[in-house]
Amino acid sequence: MAITNVAAYAHLSDADLEALGADLEAIRRDIEGSRGKEDRAYIQRTIAFQRFLEIAARLVIAGTRSKMGWALGTLALAVAKSVENMELGHNIGHGQWDWMNDPEIHSNTWEWDMAGLSSQWRYSHNYRHHMFTNVIGVDDDLGFGVLRVTRDQEWRRSNLFQPLRNVLLAVMFEWGIAMHGLHSEHERAATDAQKSADTRALIRKMARQGGKDYVFFPALSLRRWRRTLTANVAANLLRNVWAYVVIVCGHFPHGAEKFTAAVLEGETKPEWYLRQMLGTANFDAGPVLAFLSGNLCYQIEHHLFPDLPSNRYAEIAQRVRAVCATYDLPYTTGPLVRQYLLTFRIISTLALPDRFLAGNAGDTPEAASGRHIPRRRRTLRVGRGQWRHAATGISNRAT
């Protein structure tokens, strides 16, 4: 079940924990100290590539008559939207490029090509999710409020529809993220007036986004407006599904552990690091797949260092693997298709009441976290692991 004592689970002494934290802090210092021209050039090239690809895709969609041209243009537009969503919007929103002091490429000024407001998403994601990763009742991203992903979450009759909800959430992902961000804003709003202001701000963003994709660009295509409209709908659908797959494979598969709120009491920075390592999962990817996923195939590294440049995650991953080997900690990863199928099995299994799961404990997310890591562990492909939450004393750069 959900983990309440990280150190006891991992068999690490206080000295081990401090040493682990020091090793990870050394990685942070090295990357921060080496940021420079190559990193700046990377993000500038990425922005230029994404904008060029989007323009080229829209020209192909509107300027060709063949079905093949429509399909190629739509696919290119979906790729452009995916790059903008994850490698740009998501990572810039984390402050990964704030060190450049570029007024355009900054977490406070970048507005992504999504239905939701970046400002509302930053609180729900950067703070609520990254600070309290997989803490039941605290991390709103744990199942996004519509999926049961651990037996520690109370079963409700509505959970019977989880397989269908899973599909709908994938298809409508950008709109779900938008409403998710608004929910977090409403929770922290001090007055009803503030809630109303947050709602109006989101409605304006949704109207602009919908108007751009479903009115403005189709209107530019004149007689071919239907062709452009269907291409935009299809591109957004492909982007939504791809973003959803990437995100759930980093948080819900076997080996991505869940934690009780008790872990937040007096949690240290090293314990926070450990919870991030054990509450997240990677999937195997080469350079192209990594780029298309916003380098979120390195979800472990992203949760350890969410504000370090994403183009450095492959380099960081080698060192994190070495740290896991040194302290006999699991490093959960595997092929993308397998990671998603394991995630889908969890979602489908936990749609049922607990009384039907007794004979299928091995198919539940708690299969790993119900056991302590043995004193001698190994790096796992689709791994096992457990830990607890990193709490309130953590500095902002860890959020």
Protein backbone atom coordinates (compact mmCIF):
# COMPACT_ATOMS: atom_id res chain seq x y z
CA MET A 1 0.00 0.00 0.00
CA ALA A 2 1.06 3.65 0.19
CA ILE A 3 4.43 4.29 1.79
CA THR A 4 4.69 6.09 5.10
CA ASN A 5 8.39 5.73 5.96
CA VAL A 6 10.85 6.18 3.13
CA ALA A 7 14.09 5.59 4.98
CA ALA A 8 12.91 2.37 6.59
CA TYR A 9 11.69 1.09 3.25
CA ALA A 10 14.96 1.77 1.44
CA HIS A 11 17.23 0.54 4.24
CA LEU A 12 19.32 3.71 4.12
CA SER A 13 20.82 5.17 7.26
CA ASP A 14 20.79 8.88 8.05
CA ALA A 15 24.37 9.05 6.79
CA ASP A 16 23.37 7.31 3.56
CA LEU A 17 20.54 9.79 3.04
CA GLU A 18 22.84 12.76 3.52
CA ALA A 19 25.40 11.26 1.15
CA LEU A 20 22.71 10.59 -1.44
CA GLY A 21 21.49 14.18 -1.19
CA ALA A 22 25.05 15.47 -1.53
CA ASP A 23 25.61 13.37 -4.66
CA LEU A 24 22.46 14.73 -6.28
CA GLU A 25 23.27 18.29 -5.26
CA ALA A 26 26.68 17.83 -6.91
CA ILE A 27 24.90 16.95 -10.16
CA ARG A 28 22.81 20.11 -9.88
CA ARG A 29 25.86 22.31 -9.26
CA ASP A 30 27.75 20.81 -12.21
CA ILE A 31 24.87 21.38 -14.64
CA GLU A 32 24.15 24.89 -13.36
CA GLY A 33 27.83 25.77 -13.62
CA SER A 34 28.10 24.52 -17.20
CA ARG A 35 24.98 26.17 -18.66
CA GLY A 36 25.94 28.47 -21.48
CA LYS A 37 26.03 29.14 -25.22
CA GLU A 38 25.19 25.60 -26.32
CA ASP A 39 22.10 25.47 -24.13
CA ARG A 40 20.99 28.93 -25.26
CA ALA A 41 21.46 27.90 -28.90
CA TYR A 42 19.47 24.71 -28.29
CA ILE A 43 16.34 26.43 -27.04
CA GLN A 44 16.53 29.12 -29.72
CA ARG A 45 16.88 26.45 -32.44
CA THR A 46 13.96 24.55 -30.97
CA ILE A 47 11.73 27.62 -31.03
CA ALA A 48 12.74 28.39 -34.61
CA PHE A 49 12.19 24.78 -35.70
CA GLN A 50 8.78 24.59 -34.06
CA ARG A 51 7.58 27.82 -35.63
CA PHE A 52 8.90 26.88 -39.07
CA LEU A 53 7.29 23.44 -38.86
CA GLU A 54 3.93 24.90 -37.86
CA ILE A 55 3.95 27.42 -40.71
CA ALA A 56 5.04 24.79 -43.24
CA ALA A 57 2.37 22.37 -42.00
CA ARG A 58 -0.41 24.95 -42.32
CA LEU A 59 0.73 25.89 -45.82
CA VAL A 60 0.75 22.24 -46.89
CA ILE A 61 -2.72 21.66 -45.43
CA ALA A 62 -4.24 24.69 -47.17
CA GLY A 63 -2.15 24.62 -50.33
CA THR A 64 -2.45 21.02 -51.46
CA ARG A 65 -5.46 19.15 -52.78
CA SER A 66 -4.46 15.53 -52.18
CA LYS A 67 -5.36 13.43 -49.18
CA MET A 68 -1.67 12.62 -48.76
CA GLY A 69 -0.87 16.32 -48.52
CA TRP A 70 -3.59 16.77 -45.92
CA ALA A 71 -2.28 13.80 -43.90
CA LEU A 72 1.35 14.96 -44.03
CA GLY A 73 0.42 18.51 -43.14
CA THR A 74 -1.78 17.36 -40.25
CA LEU A 75 0.93 15.09 -38.88
CA ALA A 76 3.51 17.89 -39.12
CA LEU A 77 1.11 20.25 -37.34
CA ALA A 78 0.58 17.67 -34.57
CA VAL A 79 4.36 17.35 -34.15
CA ALA A 80 4.73 21.14 -34.03
CA LYS A 81 2.01 21.36 -31.38
CA SER A 82 3.61 18.55 -29.36
CA VAL A 83 7.01 20.24 -29.40
CA GLU A 84 5.45 23.54 -28.38
CA ASN A 85 3.44 21.89 -25.60
CA MET A 86 6.15 19.78 -23.98
CA GLU A 87 9.66 20.82 -25.01
CA LEU A 88 8.77 24.51 -25.00
CA GLY A 89 5.65 25.36 -22.98
CA HIS A 90 6.10 22.77 -20.24
CA ASN A 91 9.84 23.18 -19.80
CA ILE A 92 9.97 26.95 -20.15
CA GLY A 93 7.11 27.11 -17.64
CA HIS A 94 9.31 25.24 -15.18
CA GLY A 95 11.87 28.04 -15.36
CA GLN A 96 14.46 25.88 -17.12
CA TRP A 97 15.60 28.84 -19.21
CA ASP A 98 15.04 31.70 -16.76
CA TRP A 99 18.81 31.86 -16.19
CA MET A 100 19.19 33.42 -19.67
CA ASN A 101 17.18 36.49 -18.56
CA ASP A 102 15.46 36.51 -21.94
CA PRO A 103 12.10 38.33 -21.60
CA GLU A 104 10.51 36.07 -24.22
CA ILE A 105 11.87 32.70 -23.12
CA HIS A 106 10.87 33.02 -19.48
CA SER A 107 8.47 31.16 -17.21
CA ASN A 108 6.55 34.34 -16.36
CA THR A 109 5.95 35.44 -19.95
CA TRP A 110 5.63 32.31 -22.13
CA GLU A 111 2.01 31.45 -22.97
CA TRP A 112 1.67 28.00 -24.51
CA ASP A 113 -0.47 26.82 -27.41
CA MET A 114 -2.99 25.06 -25.18
CA ALA A 115 -6.51 25.74 -23.92
CA GLY A 116 -5.35 26.34 -20.34
CA LEU A 117 -3.57 29.37 -18.92
CA SER A 118 0.13 28.87 -18.26
CA SER A 119 -0.11 30.90 -15.07
CA GLN A 120 -2.82 28.65 -13.63
CA TRP A 121 -1.00 25.50 -14.70
CA ARG A 122 2.27 26.60 -13.09
CA TYR A 123 0.75 26.55 -9.60
CA SER A 124 -1.10 23.25 -9.94
CA HIS A 125 1.84 21.57 -11.65
CA ASN A 126 5.09 23.19 -10.51
CA TYR A 127 4.03 23.46 -6.89
CA ARG A 128 1.19 21.08 -6.04
CA HIS A 129 2.44 18.23 -8.21
CA HIS A 130 6.23 18.56 -8.07
CA MET A 131 6.42 19.39 -4.39
CA PHE A 132 3.93 16.72 -3.32
CA THR A 133 4.42 14.07 -5.99
CA ASN A 134 2.10 11.06 -5.54
CA VAL A 135 1.10 12.03 -2.00
CA ILE A 136 -2.46 10.82 -1.63
CA GLY A 137 -4.89 13.65 -0.94
CA VAL A 138 -2.26 16.33 -1.64
CA ASP A 139 -1.03 15.81 -5.21
CA ASP A 140 -3.98 16.70 -7.44
CA ASP A 141 -2.22 15.08 -10.41
CA LEU A 142 -2.56 11.63 -8.81
CA GLY A 143 -5.20 10.29 -11.17
CA PHE A 144 -6.15 13.88 -12.14
CA GLY A 145 -9.20 13.55 -9.90
CA VAL A 146 -10.94 11.17 -12.32
CA LEU A 147 -8.82 7.98 -12.20
CA ARG A 148 -8.20 5.64 -9.28
CA VAL A 149 -4.55 4.58 -9.47
CA THR A 150 -4.02 3.07 -6.01
CA ARG A 151 -6.19 1.07 -3.61
CA ASP A 152 -5.46 3.74 -1.02
CA GLN A 153 -7.95 5.88 -2.94
CA GLU A 154 -11.53 5.10 -1.98
CA TRP A 155 -13.43 3.14 -4.60
CA ARG A 156 -16.61 4.72 -5.93
CA ARG A 157 -19.19 3.35 -8.34
CA SER A 158 -18.11 5.91 -10.90
CA ASN A 159 -14.71 4.19 -11.03
CA LEU A 160 -16.35 1.38 -13.00
CA PHE A 161 -16.14 3.75 -15.96
CA GLN A 162 -12.38 4.29 -15.59
CA PRO A 163 -11.41 2.61 -18.89
CA LEU A 164 -13.78 4.97 -20.70
CA ARG A 165 -12.61 7.95 -18.63
CA ASN A 166 -9.05 7.06 -19.56
CA VAL A 167 -9.88 7.35 -23.27
CA LEU A 168 -11.85 10.57 -22.83
CA LEU A 169 -9.09 12.14 -20.76
CA ALA A 170 -6.53 11.32 -23.46
CA VAL A 171 -8.71 12.80 -26.21
CA MET A 172 -9.60 15.95 -24.22
CA PHE A 173 -6.27 16.27 -22.40
CA GLU A 174 -5.61 19.98 -23.03
CA TRP A 175 -9.11 20.87 -21.79
CA GLY A 176 -8.70 18.60 -18.78
CA ILE A 177 -5.42 20.30 -17.90
CA ALA A 178 -7.12 23.68 -18.25
CA MET A 179 -9.90 22.74 -15.82
CA HIS A 180 -7.38 21.09 -13.50
CA GLY A 181 -5.43 24.34 -13.26
CA LEU A 182 -8.60 26.32 -12.61
CA HIS A 183 -9.58 23.92 -9.82
CA SER A 184 -6.25 24.53 -8.09
CA GLU A 185 -6.67 28.28 -8.43
CA HIS A 186 -10.15 28.09 -6.93
CA GLU A 187 -8.81 26.09 -3.99
CA ARG A 188 -6.32 28.77 -3.05
CA ALA A 189 -8.51 31.79 -3.90
CA ALA A 190 -9.29 33.89 -0.84
CA THR A 191 -12.56 35.31 -2.11
CA ASP A 192 -15.41 34.49 -4.50
CA ALA A 193 -14.39 37.54 -6.51
CA GLN A 194 -10.96 36.03 -7.08
CA LYS A 195 -12.52 32.74 -8.15
CA SER A 196 -14.69 34.57 -10.65
CA ALA A 197 -11.67 36.46 -11.99
CA ASP A 198 -9.75 33.19 -12.43
CA THR A 199 -12.71 31.64 -14.26
CA ARG A 200 -13.08 34.63 -16.60
CA ALA A 201 -9.36 34.59 -17.37
CA LEU A 202 -9.55 30.91 -18.36
CA ILE A 203 -12.66 31.45 -20.47
CA ARG A 204 -10.86 34.23 -22.36
CA LYS A 205 -7.88 31.95 -23.01
CA MET A 206 -10.13 29.10 -24.16
CA ALA A 207 -11.95 31.49 -26.50
CA ARG A 208 -8.68 32.73 -27.99
CA GLN A 209 -7.37 29.20 -28.42
CA GLY A 210 -10.56 27.89 -29.94
CA GLY A 211 -10.91 30.95 -32.15
CA LYS A 212 -7.37 30.55 -33.49
CA ASP A 213 -7.63 26.86 -34.38
CA TYR A 214 -11.29 26.56 -35.33
CA VAL A 215 -12.20 30.01 -36.74
CA PHE A 216 -9.18 32.11 -37.76
CA PHE A 217 -7.07 29.58 -39.65
CA PRO A 218 -10.06 27.91 -41.35
CA ALA A 219 -11.27 31.38 -42.42
CA LEU A 220 -7.85 32.09 -43.96
CA SER A 221 -8.28 29.00 -46.10
CA LEU A 222 -11.41 30.46 -47.73
CA ARG A 223 -13.11 27.68 -49.75
CA ARG A 224 -10.89 25.07 -48.14
CA TRP A 225 -11.97 25.94 -44.63
CA ARG A 226 -13.32 22.45 -43.99
CA ARG A 227 -9.94 20.96 -44.90
CA THR A 228 -8.13 23.25 -42.48
CA LEU A 229 -10.72 22.81 -39.73
CA THR A 230 -10.54 19.00 -39.83
CA ALA A 231 -6.72 19.16 -39.91
CA ASN A 232 -6.64 21.37 -36.81
CA VAL A 233 -9.07 19.08 -34.98
CA ALA A 234 -6.99 16.02 -35.89
CA ALA A 235 -3.67 17.68 -34.98
CA ASN A 236 -4.99 18.74 -31.57
CA LEU A 237 -6.34 15.25 -31.00
CA LEU A 238 -2.99 13.64 -31.84
CA ARG A 239 -1.15 16.13 -29.62
CA ASN A 240 -3.54 15.51 -26.73
CA VAL A 241 -3.21 11.74 -26.89
CA TRP A 242 0.57 11.88 -27.21
CA ALA A 243 0.96 14.28 -24.27
CA TYR A 244 -1.34 12.11 -22.17
CA VAL A 245 0.63 8.94 -22.92
CA VAL A 246 3.92 10.63 -22.05
CA ILE A 247 2.60 12.01 -18.76
CA VAL A 248 0.86 8.87 -17.46
CA CYS A 249 3.85 6.68 -18.35
CA GLY A 250 5.96 8.86 -16.07
CA HIS A 251 3.66 8.66 -13.05
CA PHE A 252 1.24 5.71 -13.01
CA PRO A 253 3.05 2.49 -14.13
CA HIS A 254 4.32 -0.24 -11.82
CA GLY A 255 7.22 1.07 -9.78
CA ALA A 256 5.87 4.63 -9.53
CA GLU A 257 5.07 4.58 -5.83
CA LYS A 258 2.35 6.31 -3.80
CA PHE A 259 2.77 7.96 -0.39
CA THR A 260 0.67 8.93 2.62
CA ALA A 261 0.50 12.51 3.87
CA ALA A 262 2.49 11.43 6.94
CA VAL A 263 5.67 11.55 4.88
CA LEU A 264 5.45 15.33 4.73
CA GLU A 265 6.15 15.74 8.44
CA GLY A 266 9.73 16.88 8.86
CA GLU A 267 10.81 15.60 5.47
CA THR A 268 14.35 16.58 4.50
CA LYS A 269 15.72 17.53 1.10
CA PRO A 270 17.43 14.11 0.67
CA GLU A 271 14.12 12.40 1.48
CA TRP A 272 12.40 14.63 -1.05
CA TYR A 273 14.94 13.53 -3.63
CA LEU A 274 14.27 9.89 -2.80
CA ARG A 275 10.54 10.28 -3.11
CA GLN A 276 10.93 11.82 -6.52
CA MET A 277 13.15 8.95 -7.63
CA LEU A 278 10.73 6.32 -6.41
CA GLY A 279 7.47 8.07 -7.28
CA THR A 280 8.28 8.51 -10.98
CA ALA A 281 9.24 6.35 -13.95
CA ASN A 282 11.04 6.75 -17.26
CA PHE A 283 10.58 5.15 -20.63
CA ASP A 284 13.34 4.23 -23.06
CA ALA A 285 13.86 6.74 -25.87
CA GLY A 286 16.45 7.73 -28.42
CA PRO A 287 17.18 11.38 -29.28
CA VAL A 288 14.17 11.81 -31.61
CA LEU A 289 11.60 10.25 -29.28
CA ALA A 290 13.11 12.16 -26.34
CA PHE A 291 12.74 15.44 -28.23
CA LEU A 292 9.16 14.69 -29.23
CA SER A 293 8.31 13.92 -25.60
CA GLY A 294 9.84 17.15 -24.32
CA ASN A 295 12.57 14.97 -22.77
CA LEU A 296 9.90 13.78 -20.34
CA CYS A 297 11.01 10.24 -21.10
CA TYR A 298 13.44 11.25 -18.32
CA GLN A 299 10.68 11.82 -15.79
CA ILE A 300 12.90 10.72 -12.88
CA GLU A 301 15.53 13.29 -13.77
CA HIS A 302 12.85 15.91 -14.43
CA HIS A 303 11.37 15.44 -10.97
CA LEU A 304 14.78 15.60 -9.34
CA PHE A 305 15.78 18.74 -11.25
CA PRO A 306 12.66 20.29 -12.80
CA ASP A 307 14.34 23.65 -13.42
CA LEU A 308 17.46 22.36 -15.20
CA PRO A 309 17.49 22.53 -19.03
CA SER A 310 15.73 19.57 -20.62
CA ASN A 311 18.45 19.09 -23.22
CA ARG A 312 20.77 18.04 -20.38
CA TYR A 313 18.52 15.27 -19.03
CA ALA A 314 20.19 12.50 -21.07
CA GLU A 315 23.53 13.50 -19.53
CA ILE A 316 22.00 13.77 -16.07
CA ALA A 317 20.32 10.36 -16.45
CA GLN A 318 23.67 8.59 -16.72
CA ARG A 319 24.76 10.07 -13.41
CA VAL A 320 21.42 9.39 -11.71
CA ARG A 321 21.62 5.73 -12.78
CA ALA A 322 25.08 5.57 -11.22
CA VAL A 323 23.74 7.07 -7.99
CA CYS A 324 20.93 4.49 -7.92
CA ALA A 325 23.47 1.71 -8.38
CA THR A 326 25.66 3.10 -5.59
CA TYR A 327 22.81 3.11 -3.08
CA ASP A 328 21.03 0.02 -4.42
CA LEU A 329 17.94 1.99 -5.37
CA PRO A 330 15.60 1.03 -8.23
CA TYR A 331 15.60 2.98 -11.47
CA THR A 332 12.24 2.34 -13.10
CA THR A 333 12.24 2.36 -16.89
CA GLY A 334 11.16 0.28 -19.87
CA PRO A 335 9.92 0.46 -23.47
CA LEU A 336 7.20 3.06 -24.00
CA VAL A 337 4.57 0.58 -25.20
CA ARG A 338 5.14 -1.71 -22.23
CA GLN A 339 5.04 1.17 -19.76
CA TYR A 340 1.71 2.31 -21.14
CA LEU A 341 0.21 -1.18 -21.21
CA LEU A 342 1.18 -1.65 -17.56
CA THR A 343 -0.39 1.71 -16.76
CA PHE A 344 -3.58 0.80 -18.60
CA ARG A 345 -3.72 -2.50 -16.69
CA ILE A 346 -3.55 -0.59 -13.41
CA ILE A 347 -6.31 1.80 -14.48
CA SER A 348 -8.53 -1.05 -15.67
CA THR A 349 -7.91 -3.26 -12.63
CA LEU A 350 -8.59 -0.53 -10.09
CA ALA A 351 -11.92 0.24 -11.74
CA LEU A 352 -13.19 -2.72 -9.71
CA PRO A 353 -14.04 -2.74 -5.99
CA ASP A 354 -11.28 -3.93 -3.67
CA ARG A 355 -13.09 -7.19 -2.89
CA PHE A 356 -12.47 -8.30 -6.46
CA LEU A 357 -8.75 -7.51 -6.27
CA ALA A 358 -7.69 -9.81 -3.46
CA GLY A 359 -6.62 -12.55 -5.84
CA ASN A 360 -4.92 -10.13 -8.23
CA ALA A 361 -2.61 -8.22 -5.91
CA GLY A 362 0.23 -8.59 -8.36
CA ASP A 363 -1.69 -6.55 -10.91
CA THR A 364 -2.14 -3.52 -8.68
CA PRO A 365 0.13 -0.51 -8.16
CA GLU A 366 0.70 -1.68 -4.58
CA ALA A 367 2.38 -4.89 -5.74
CA ALA A 368 5.73 -3.19 -5.40
CA SER A 369 5.05 -0.84 -2.51
CA GLY A 370 3.55 -3.52 -0.32
CA ARG A 371 7.03 -4.95 0.11
CA HIS A 372 10.24 -3.39 1.36
CA ILE A 373 13.16 -3.15 -1.01
CA PRO A 374 15.52 -6.02 -0.10
CA ARG A 375 18.84 -5.04 1.37
CA ARG A 376 20.51 -5.81 -1.93
CA ARG A 377 18.63 -4.30 -4.85
CA ARG A 378 19.31 -3.87 -8.52
CA THR A 379 18.36 -1.43 -11.27
CA LEU A 380 15.03 -2.54 -12.73
CA ARG A 381 13.68 -2.25 -16.24
CA VAL A 382 10.04 -1.99 -15.27
CA GLY A 383 11.00 -1.54 -11.71
CA ARG A 384 10.02 -1.85 -8.14
CA GLY A 385 10.42 0.83 -5.49
CA GLN A 386 8.98 2.87 -2.61
CA TRP A 387 9.37 6.14 -0.81
CA ARG A 388 7.66 9.08 0.88
CA HIS A 389 7.04 12.83 0.26
CA ALA A 390 9.47 15.76 0.24
CA ALA A 391 7.98 18.46 2.32
CA THR A 392 7.62 22.00 3.22
CA GLY A 393 11.21 22.98 3.92
CA ILE A 394 12.31 22.42 0.34
CA SER A 395 13.69 25.41 -1.58
CA ASN A 396 11.80 26.79 -4.58
CA ARG A 397 14.39 25.55 -7.04
CA ALA A 398 13.28 22.03 -6.24
CA THR A 399 9.69 22.79 -7.25
